[in-house]
Amino acid sequence: MKETQRGIYLGDDRWALLARLQSLVTDLAAADFPHPSSIPVMIDKWTVGKREVPCLLGHASGHPTIFDGGASISSELFYLDVNGGIARTLSRWYRLGSRANPTI
């Protein structure tokens, strides 16, 4: 986390955090959510985990900073539609692949 004169933000300065939150609000306020096939990042063998906030745990592919198949822990989970096959975290949309077995 980055300490600033006015507090601690989620790894960014205040304005970067506000931009990320605005992106989240814009995505969740849209009339239609994206079709799963249009979401480039997929998380396979996923389950909902908990840090201090809900998140996704799994193996990512198509992620800009995690090599394909690499284990990943997402940022905070804000939206999960298991039947629709999509999820929205603070930082991005995820297309859901197969669920982890057993679920945790």
N, C-alpha and C. Protein backbone atom coordinates (compact mmCIF):
# COMPACT_ATOMS: atom_id res chain seq x y z
N MET A 1 0.84 -1.18 0.00
CA MET A 1 0.00 0.00 0.00
C MET A 1 0.88 1.23 0.00
N LYS A 2 0.38 2.26 -0.60
CA LYS A 2 1.13 3.50 -0.70
C LYS A 2 0.63 4.49 0.34
N GLU A 3 1.55 4.95 1.17
CA GLU A 3 1.18 5.94 2.16
C GLU A 3 1.25 7.32 1.53
N THR A 4 0.27 8.14 1.83
CA THR A 4 0.24 9.50 1.33
C THR A 4 0.02 10.42 2.51
N GLN A 5 0.01 11.71 2.24
CA GLN A 5 -0.24 12.67 3.30
C GLN A 5 -1.64 12.52 3.89
N ARG A 6 -2.57 11.97 3.11
CA ARG A 6 -3.96 11.90 3.56
C ARG A 6 -4.42 10.47 3.87
N GLY A 7 -3.53 9.50 3.88
CA GLY A 7 -3.95 8.15 4.21
C GLY A 7 -3.26 7.10 3.36
N ILE A 8 -3.75 5.88 3.44
CA ILE A 8 -3.20 4.76 2.71
C ILE A 8 -4.21 4.32 1.67
N TYR A 9 -3.75 4.17 0.44
CA TYR A 9 -4.62 3.76 -0.66
C TYR A 9 -4.18 2.39 -1.17
N LEU A 10 -4.97 1.81 -2.02
CA LEU A 10 -4.76 0.44 -2.48
C LEU A 10 -3.62 0.33 -3.49
N GLY A 11 -2.41 0.66 -3.09
CA GLY A 11 -1.26 0.52 -3.96
C GLY A 11 -1.09 1.67 -4.93
N ASP A 12 -1.95 2.64 -4.91
CA ASP A 12 -1.90 3.77 -5.83
C ASP A 12 -2.05 5.06 -5.05
N ASP A 13 -1.83 6.16 -5.76
CA ASP A 13 -2.13 7.43 -5.12
C ASP A 13 -3.64 7.67 -5.18
N ARG A 14 -4.09 8.71 -4.55
CA ARG A 14 -5.52 8.99 -4.45
C ARG A 14 -6.20 9.06 -5.80
N TRP A 15 -5.59 9.75 -6.77
CA TRP A 15 -6.22 9.94 -8.07
C TRP A 15 -6.27 8.64 -8.87
N ALA A 16 -5.25 7.83 -8.75
CA ALA A 16 -5.26 6.53 -9.43
C ALA A 16 -6.35 5.63 -8.83
N LEU A 17 -6.50 5.65 -7.51
CA LEU A 17 -7.55 4.88 -6.86
C LEU A 17 -8.93 5.36 -7.31
N LEU A 18 -9.13 6.68 -7.36
CA LEU A 18 -10.41 7.22 -7.81
C LEU A 18 -10.71 6.81 -9.25
N ALA A 19 -9.70 6.79 -10.11
CA ALA A 19 -9.91 6.37 -11.50
C ALA A 19 -10.31 4.90 -11.55
N ARG A 20 -9.69 4.06 -10.74
CA ARG A 20 -10.04 2.63 -10.72
C ARG A 20 -11.45 2.43 -10.20
N LEU A 21 -11.82 3.15 -9.16
CA LEU A 21 -13.18 3.04 -8.63
C LEU A 21 -14.21 3.56 -9.63
N GLN A 22 -13.88 4.65 -10.34
CA GLN A 22 -14.80 5.17 -11.36
C GLN A 22 -14.99 4.16 -12.48
N SER A 23 -13.92 3.47 -12.86
CA SER A 23 -14.01 2.43 -13.88
C SER A 23 -14.94 1.31 -13.41
N LEU A 24 -14.83 0.94 -12.14
CA LEU A 24 -15.70 -0.08 -11.57
C LEU A 24 -17.16 0.38 -11.60
N VAL A 25 -17.42 1.62 -11.17
CA VAL A 25 -18.78 2.15 -11.17
C VAL A 25 -19.34 2.19 -12.59
N THR A 26 -18.56 2.64 -13.55
CA THR A 26 -19.00 2.69 -14.94
C THR A 26 -19.36 1.30 -15.44
N ASP A 27 -18.52 0.32 -15.16
CA ASP A 27 -18.79 -1.05 -15.60
C ASP A 27 -20.07 -1.60 -14.97
N LEU A 28 -20.23 -1.41 -13.66
CA LEU A 28 -21.38 -1.97 -12.98
C LEU A 28 -22.67 -1.21 -13.28
N ALA A 29 -22.58 0.06 -13.71
CA ALA A 29 -23.76 0.86 -14.03
C ALA A 29 -24.21 0.68 -15.48
N ALA A 30 -23.40 0.02 -16.31
CA ALA A 30 -23.75 -0.16 -17.72
C ALA A 30 -25.04 -0.96 -17.85
N ALA A 31 -25.80 -0.65 -18.89
CA ALA A 31 -27.07 -1.36 -19.11
C ALA A 31 -26.85 -2.84 -19.35
N ASP A 32 -25.80 -3.18 -20.05
CA ASP A 32 -25.49 -4.58 -20.35
C ASP A 32 -24.07 -4.89 -19.91
N PHE A 33 -23.89 -6.04 -19.29
CA PHE A 33 -22.55 -6.48 -18.96
C PHE A 33 -21.94 -7.14 -20.19
N PRO A 34 -20.62 -7.23 -20.24
CA PRO A 34 -19.99 -7.82 -21.42
C PRO A 34 -20.32 -9.31 -21.54
N HIS A 35 -20.34 -9.78 -22.77
CA HIS A 35 -20.50 -11.21 -23.01
C HIS A 35 -19.20 -11.88 -22.59
N PRO A 36 -19.26 -13.05 -21.93
CA PRO A 36 -18.03 -13.71 -21.48
C PRO A 36 -16.98 -13.86 -22.57
N SER A 37 -17.39 -14.10 -23.81
CA SER A 37 -16.40 -14.31 -24.88
C SER A 37 -15.62 -13.05 -25.22
N SER A 38 -16.11 -11.87 -24.79
CA SER A 38 -15.40 -10.62 -25.08
C SER A 38 -14.44 -10.22 -23.97
N ILE A 39 -14.39 -10.98 -22.88
CA ILE A 39 -13.51 -10.67 -21.76
C ILE A 39 -12.20 -11.44 -21.96
N PRO A 40 -11.07 -10.74 -22.11
CA PRO A 40 -9.82 -11.43 -22.44
C PRO A 40 -9.21 -12.24 -21.31
N VAL A 41 -9.45 -11.87 -20.07
CA VAL A 41 -8.83 -12.56 -18.95
C VAL A 41 -9.79 -13.64 -18.43
N MET A 42 -9.29 -14.87 -18.35
CA MET A 42 -10.09 -15.97 -17.81
C MET A 42 -9.40 -16.50 -16.56
N ILE A 43 -10.17 -16.86 -15.57
CA ILE A 43 -9.63 -17.49 -14.38
C ILE A 43 -10.24 -18.89 -14.30
N ASP A 44 -9.37 -19.90 -14.29
CA ASP A 44 -9.78 -21.29 -14.32
C ASP A 44 -9.55 -21.92 -12.95
N LYS A 45 -10.27 -22.96 -12.66
CA LYS A 45 -10.18 -23.65 -11.36
C LYS A 45 -10.29 -22.63 -10.24
N TRP A 46 -11.31 -21.77 -10.35
CA TRP A 46 -11.45 -20.63 -9.44
C TRP A 46 -12.35 -20.97 -8.27
N THR A 47 -12.19 -20.20 -7.24
CA THR A 47 -13.08 -20.24 -6.09
C THR A 47 -13.07 -18.84 -5.49
N VAL A 48 -14.05 -18.52 -4.71
CA VAL A 48 -14.07 -17.24 -4.01
C VAL A 48 -13.28 -17.42 -2.72
N GLY A 49 -12.27 -16.61 -2.55
CA GLY A 49 -11.44 -16.66 -1.35
C GLY A 49 -11.66 -15.41 -0.53
N LYS A 50 -11.02 -15.34 0.59
CA LYS A 50 -11.09 -14.14 1.41
C LYS A 50 -9.70 -13.74 1.85
N ARG A 51 -9.43 -12.49 1.66
CA ARG A 51 -8.28 -11.88 2.29
C ARG A 51 -8.95 -11.04 3.38
N GLU A 52 -8.74 -9.77 3.37
CA GLU A 52 -9.57 -8.92 4.22
C GLU A 52 -10.82 -8.54 3.45
N VAL A 53 -10.83 -8.89 2.17
CA VAL A 53 -11.98 -8.64 1.29
C VAL A 53 -12.18 -9.88 0.43
N PRO A 54 -13.38 -10.09 -0.13
CA PRO A 54 -13.57 -11.22 -1.05
C PRO A 54 -12.72 -11.03 -2.30
N CYS A 55 -12.21 -12.12 -2.85
CA CYS A 55 -11.38 -12.07 -4.05
C CYS A 55 -11.53 -13.39 -4.79
N LEU A 56 -10.93 -13.49 -5.96
CA LEU A 56 -10.91 -14.73 -6.71
C LEU A 56 -9.52 -15.34 -6.63
N LEU A 57 -9.47 -16.63 -6.44
CA LEU A 57 -8.23 -17.39 -6.47
C LEU A 57 -8.33 -18.35 -7.64
N GLY A 58 -7.27 -18.51 -8.39
CA GLY A 58 -7.33 -19.44 -9.51
C GLY A 58 -6.10 -19.35 -10.39
N HIS A 59 -6.23 -19.84 -11.62
CA HIS A 59 -5.15 -19.82 -12.61
C HIS A 59 -5.57 -18.90 -13.74
N ALA A 60 -4.83 -17.83 -13.95
CA ALA A 60 -5.21 -16.80 -14.92
C ALA A 60 -4.64 -17.10 -16.30
N SER A 61 -5.36 -16.68 -17.31
CA SER A 61 -4.82 -16.65 -18.67
C SER A 61 -5.32 -15.38 -19.34
N GLY A 62 -4.48 -14.79 -20.16
CA GLY A 62 -4.81 -13.53 -20.81
C GLY A 62 -4.63 -12.31 -19.92
N HIS A 63 -4.05 -12.49 -18.75
CA HIS A 63 -3.84 -11.39 -17.81
C HIS A 63 -2.62 -10.60 -18.25
N PRO A 64 -2.64 -9.27 -18.12
CA PRO A 64 -1.51 -8.47 -18.60
C PRO A 64 -0.20 -8.65 -17.81
N THR A 65 -0.27 -9.12 -16.57
CA THR A 65 0.97 -9.22 -15.78
C THR A 65 1.24 -10.60 -15.19
N ILE A 66 0.32 -11.55 -15.39
CA ILE A 66 0.50 -12.91 -14.86
C ILE A 66 0.63 -13.85 -16.04
N PHE A 67 1.67 -14.69 -16.05
CA PHE A 67 1.84 -15.60 -17.18
C PHE A 67 0.68 -16.59 -17.22
N ASP A 68 0.31 -17.01 -18.43
CA ASP A 68 -0.83 -17.90 -18.61
C ASP A 68 -0.68 -19.17 -17.79
N GLY A 69 -1.71 -19.49 -17.05
CA GLY A 69 -1.72 -20.67 -16.19
C GLY A 69 -1.18 -20.41 -14.81
N GLY A 70 -0.65 -19.20 -14.58
CA GLY A 70 -0.08 -18.88 -13.29
C GLY A 70 -1.14 -18.70 -12.22
N ALA A 71 -0.80 -19.08 -11.00
CA ALA A 71 -1.71 -18.89 -9.87
C ALA A 71 -1.94 -17.40 -9.66
N SER A 72 -3.16 -17.04 -9.33
CA SER A 72 -3.46 -15.63 -9.12
C SER A 72 -4.44 -15.44 -7.97
N ILE A 73 -4.33 -14.28 -7.36
CA ILE A 73 -5.27 -13.80 -6.37
C ILE A 73 -5.71 -12.44 -6.87
N SER A 74 -7.00 -12.28 -7.10
CA SER A 74 -7.49 -11.02 -7.68
C SER A 74 -7.53 -9.91 -6.65
N SER A 75 -7.80 -8.72 -7.15
CA SER A 75 -8.13 -7.62 -6.26
C SER A 75 -9.53 -7.86 -5.71
N GLU A 76 -10.05 -6.93 -4.94
CA GLU A 76 -11.34 -7.11 -4.27
C GLU A 76 -12.46 -7.44 -5.26
N LEU A 77 -13.23 -8.45 -4.92
CA LEU A 77 -14.35 -8.90 -5.75
C LEU A 77 -15.59 -8.05 -5.45
N PHE A 78 -16.13 -7.40 -6.49
CA PHE A 78 -17.32 -6.58 -6.32
C PHE A 78 -18.56 -7.19 -6.94
N TYR A 79 -18.40 -8.04 -7.95
CA TYR A 79 -19.55 -8.60 -8.65
C TYR A 79 -19.20 -10.01 -9.09
N LEU A 80 -20.11 -10.95 -8.86
CA LEU A 80 -19.90 -12.34 -9.26
C LEU A 80 -21.20 -12.88 -9.82
N ASP A 81 -21.17 -13.32 -11.07
CA ASP A 81 -22.33 -13.93 -11.71
C ASP A 81 -21.88 -15.31 -12.19
N VAL A 82 -22.06 -16.30 -11.34
CA VAL A 82 -21.61 -17.66 -11.65
C VAL A 82 -22.35 -18.19 -12.87
N ASN A 83 -23.67 -17.99 -12.93
CA ASN A 83 -24.45 -18.49 -14.06
C ASN A 83 -24.08 -17.79 -15.36
N GLY A 84 -23.78 -16.49 -15.30
CA GLY A 84 -23.39 -15.74 -16.48
C GLY A 84 -21.93 -15.91 -16.86
N GLY A 85 -21.13 -16.46 -15.94
CA GLY A 85 -19.72 -16.73 -16.22
C GLY A 85 -18.80 -15.54 -16.19
N ILE A 86 -19.16 -14.49 -15.41
CA ILE A 86 -18.31 -13.31 -15.33
C ILE A 86 -18.19 -12.81 -13.89
N ALA A 87 -17.12 -12.05 -13.63
CA ALA A 87 -16.90 -11.43 -12.34
C ALA A 87 -16.20 -10.10 -12.56
N ARG A 88 -16.42 -9.13 -11.66
CA ARG A 88 -15.74 -7.83 -11.74
C ARG A 88 -15.05 -7.58 -10.43
N THR A 89 -13.74 -7.39 -10.50
CA THR A 89 -12.96 -7.02 -9.33
C THR A 89 -12.68 -5.53 -9.41
N LEU A 90 -11.97 -5.03 -8.45
CA LEU A 90 -11.61 -3.61 -8.48
C LEU A 90 -10.88 -3.25 -9.76
N SER A 91 -10.04 -4.16 -10.25
CA SER A 91 -9.19 -3.80 -11.39
C SER A 91 -9.66 -4.25 -12.75
N ARG A 92 -10.51 -5.30 -12.86
CA ARG A 92 -10.87 -5.78 -14.19
C ARG A 92 -12.03 -6.75 -14.15
N TRP A 93 -12.55 -7.03 -15.35
CA TRP A 93 -13.52 -8.11 -15.54
C TRP A 93 -12.77 -9.42 -15.66
N TYR A 94 -13.39 -10.50 -15.23
CA TYR A 94 -12.88 -11.86 -15.42
C TYR A 94 -13.96 -12.71 -16.06
N ARG A 95 -13.56 -13.55 -16.96
CA ARG A 95 -14.43 -14.59 -17.52
C ARG A 95 -14.16 -15.82 -16.67
N LEU A 96 -15.20 -16.46 -16.18
CA LEU A 96 -15.01 -17.61 -15.28
C LEU A 96 -14.90 -18.90 -16.09
N GLY A 97 -13.85 -19.65 -15.81
CA GLY A 97 -13.70 -20.98 -16.39
C GLY A 97 -14.30 -21.99 -15.42
N SER A 98 -13.69 -23.14 -15.34
CA SER A 98 -14.21 -24.17 -14.44
C SER A 98 -13.97 -23.78 -12.98
N ARG A 99 -14.86 -24.24 -12.13
CA ARG A 99 -14.74 -23.94 -10.71
C ARG A 99 -13.77 -24.92 -10.07
N ALA A 100 -13.05 -24.48 -9.04
CA ALA A 100 -12.11 -25.35 -8.33
C ALA A 100 -12.85 -26.52 -7.70
N ASN A 101 -12.18 -27.63 -7.63
CA ASN A 101 -12.78 -28.80 -7.02
C ASN A 101 -11.77 -29.39 -6.06
N PRO A 102 -11.98 -29.46 -4.80
CA PRO A 102 -13.19 -29.04 -4.11
C PRO A 102 -13.19 -27.52 -3.92
N THR A 103 -14.36 -26.96 -3.71
CA THR A 103 -14.44 -25.53 -3.43
C THR A 103 -13.93 -25.29 -2.03
N ILE A 104 -13.36 -24.13 -1.84
CA ILE A 104 -12.79 -23.79 -0.53
C ILE A 104 -13.70 -22.81 0.16
